Amino acid sequence: MVLRTGASVFLLSSITLVALPEAFLRLLDLGTETNQAILWLMRMLGVALIALSAFMLMAAGNFPERALRQAGLLMMSLSLAFTALTIFSPGSWSPAKVAYLAVGACFAVAYLWALRGYRSLR
């Protein structure tokens, strides 16, 4: 369930990044100087998140238990990395940036919660 919910959030973010990278940059207050290189990088990140969303959906629906737990561990690590990068991102703190940070942290905790029984099942 956590993988599917995370895939939905990443898919929404990726669509925004590909279609409206300027809006995403403004929303998170990541700078007012947008040039073609920055917009291209944001779109590339969006495409990568589409691939990650597809991986998450495939994992949730098709992976056996051990591989599913490994995918959860990977996604927990990525959620922590996105959260850390958000903390140190340029620009001022805005409500949208705080919300983005909270979502990343909540997903990291959700993956940890979902993996809590891993050691007892070994």
Protein backbone atom coordinates (compact mmCIF):
# COMPACT_ATOMS: atom_id res chain seq x y z
CA MET A 1 0.00 0.00 0.00
CA VAL A 2 2.84 2.41 0.83
CA LEU A 3 4.51 1.68 -2.52
CA ARG A 4 1.29 2.34 -4.41
CA THR A 5 0.61 5.58 -2.55
CA GLY A 6 4.21 6.70 -3.08
CA ALA A 7 3.94 5.87 -6.76
CA SER A 8 0.88 8.11 -7.01
CA VAL A 9 2.69 11.02 -5.34
CA PHE A 10 5.77 10.56 -7.55
CA LEU A 11 3.58 10.32 -10.64
CA LEU A 12 1.84 13.61 -9.78
CA SER A 13 5.21 15.26 -9.16
CA SER A 14 6.64 13.88 -12.37
CA ILE A 15 3.75 15.12 -14.48
CA THR A 16 4.17 18.57 -12.95
CA LEU A 17 7.93 18.49 -13.53
CA VAL A 18 7.58 17.50 -17.17
CA ALA A 19 4.63 19.73 -18.06
CA LEU A 20 5.16 22.74 -15.79
CA PRO A 21 8.73 22.87 -14.46
CA GLU A 22 8.50 26.63 -13.85
CA ALA A 23 5.49 26.12 -11.57
CA PHE A 24 7.35 23.48 -9.56
CA LEU A 25 10.37 25.78 -9.16
CA ARG A 26 8.12 28.65 -8.03
CA LEU A 27 6.13 26.42 -5.69
CA LEU A 28 9.24 25.31 -3.81
CA ASP A 29 10.88 28.74 -4.12
CA LEU A 30 13.96 27.27 -5.78
CA GLY A 31 15.06 30.49 -7.38
CA THR A 32 13.72 33.10 -9.72
CA GLU A 33 16.34 32.63 -12.42
CA THR A 34 15.06 29.94 -14.72
CA ASN A 35 16.99 29.25 -17.86
CA GLN A 36 16.58 26.51 -20.43
CA ALA A 37 19.18 24.29 -18.73
CA ILE A 38 17.35 24.34 -15.37
CA LEU A 39 14.01 23.67 -17.05
CA TRP A 40 15.55 20.79 -19.01
CA LEU A 41 16.99 19.31 -15.78
CA MET A 42 13.61 19.54 -14.06
CA ARG A 43 11.94 17.77 -16.98
CA MET A 44 14.61 15.05 -16.91
CA LEU A 45 13.95 14.58 -13.19
CA GLY A 46 10.26 14.26 -14.02
CA VAL A 47 10.96 11.52 -16.57
CA ALA A 48 13.12 9.68 -14.02
CA LEU A 49 10.29 9.90 -11.48
CA ILE A 50 7.89 8.40 -14.04
CA ALA A 51 10.23 5.40 -14.30
CA LEU A 52 10.47 5.19 -10.50
CA SER A 53 6.68 5.32 -10.22
CA ALA A 54 6.36 2.44 -12.69
CA PHE A 55 8.96 0.43 -10.71
CA MET A 56 7.04 1.04 -7.50
CA LEU A 57 3.75 -0.10 -9.05
CA MET A 58 5.38 -3.24 -10.51
CA ALA A 59 6.99 -4.02 -7.17
CA ALA A 60 3.73 -3.58 -5.26
CA GLY A 61 1.81 -5.85 -7.62
CA ASN A 62 4.29 -8.49 -8.70
CA PHE A 63 7.30 -8.88 -6.43
CA PRO A 64 7.61 -11.76 -3.96
CA GLU A 65 7.92 -10.88 -0.26
CA ARG A 66 11.72 -10.60 -0.11
CA ALA A 67 11.99 -8.43 -3.23
CA LEU A 68 9.08 -6.31 -2.01
CA ARG A 69 10.91 -5.64 1.24
CA GLN A 70 14.08 -4.74 -0.66
CA ALA A 71 12.07 -2.32 -2.81
CA GLY A 72 10.64 -0.82 0.39
CA LEU A 73 14.13 -0.40 1.82
CA LEU A 74 15.26 1.29 -1.38
CA MET A 75 12.28 3.64 -1.33
CA MET A 76 12.82 4.46 2.35
CA SER A 77 16.41 5.43 1.51
CA LEU A 78 15.24 7.56 -1.43
CA SER A 79 12.60 9.25 0.73
CA LEU A 80 15.24 10.12 3.31
CA ALA A 81 17.53 11.45 0.56
CA PHE A 82 14.75 13.61 -0.95
CA THR A 83 13.93 14.90 2.53
CA ALA A 84 17.57 15.78 3.24
CA LEU A 85 17.93 17.50 -0.13
CA THR A 86 14.78 19.50 0.56
CA ILE A 87 16.18 20.67 3.90
CA PHE A 88 19.32 21.98 2.20
CA SER A 89 17.65 23.28 -0.95
CA PRO A 90 18.24 26.89 -1.96
CA GLY A 91 15.59 29.53 -1.49
CA SER A 92 13.53 30.61 1.44
CA TRP A 93 11.26 28.41 3.52
CA SER A 94 7.72 28.48 2.24
CA PRO A 95 4.60 26.56 3.24
CA ALA A 96 4.94 24.49 0.06
CA LYS A 97 8.55 23.58 0.87
CA VAL A 98 7.59 22.60 4.41
CA ALA A 99 4.71 20.47 3.04
CA TYR A 100 7.07 18.81 0.53
CA LEU A 101 9.51 18.12 3.36
CA ALA A 102 6.72 16.69 5.53
CA VAL A 103 5.50 14.40 2.75
CA GLY A 104 9.03 13.02 2.20
CA ALA A 105 9.57 12.46 5.91
CA CYS A 106 6.16 10.80 6.28
CA PHE A 107 6.94 8.39 3.46
CA ALA A 108 10.29 7.49 5.04
CA VAL A 109 8.49 6.73 8.31
CA ALA A 110 5.75 4.80 6.46
CA TYR A 111 8.33 2.60 4.73
CA LEU A 112 10.08 2.03 8.06
CA TRP A 113 6.74 1.08 9.63
CA ALA A 114 5.98 -1.30 6.75
CA LEU A 115 9.40 -2.94 7.15
CA ARG A 116 9.17 -3.22 10.95
CA GLY A 117 8.57 -6.97 10.98
CA TYR A 118 11.41 -7.79 8.58
CA ARG A 119 13.85 -9.06 11.20
CA SER A 120 11.24 -11.24 12.89
CA LEU A 121 10.38 -12.92 9.57
CA ARG A 122 13.95 -13.99 8.78
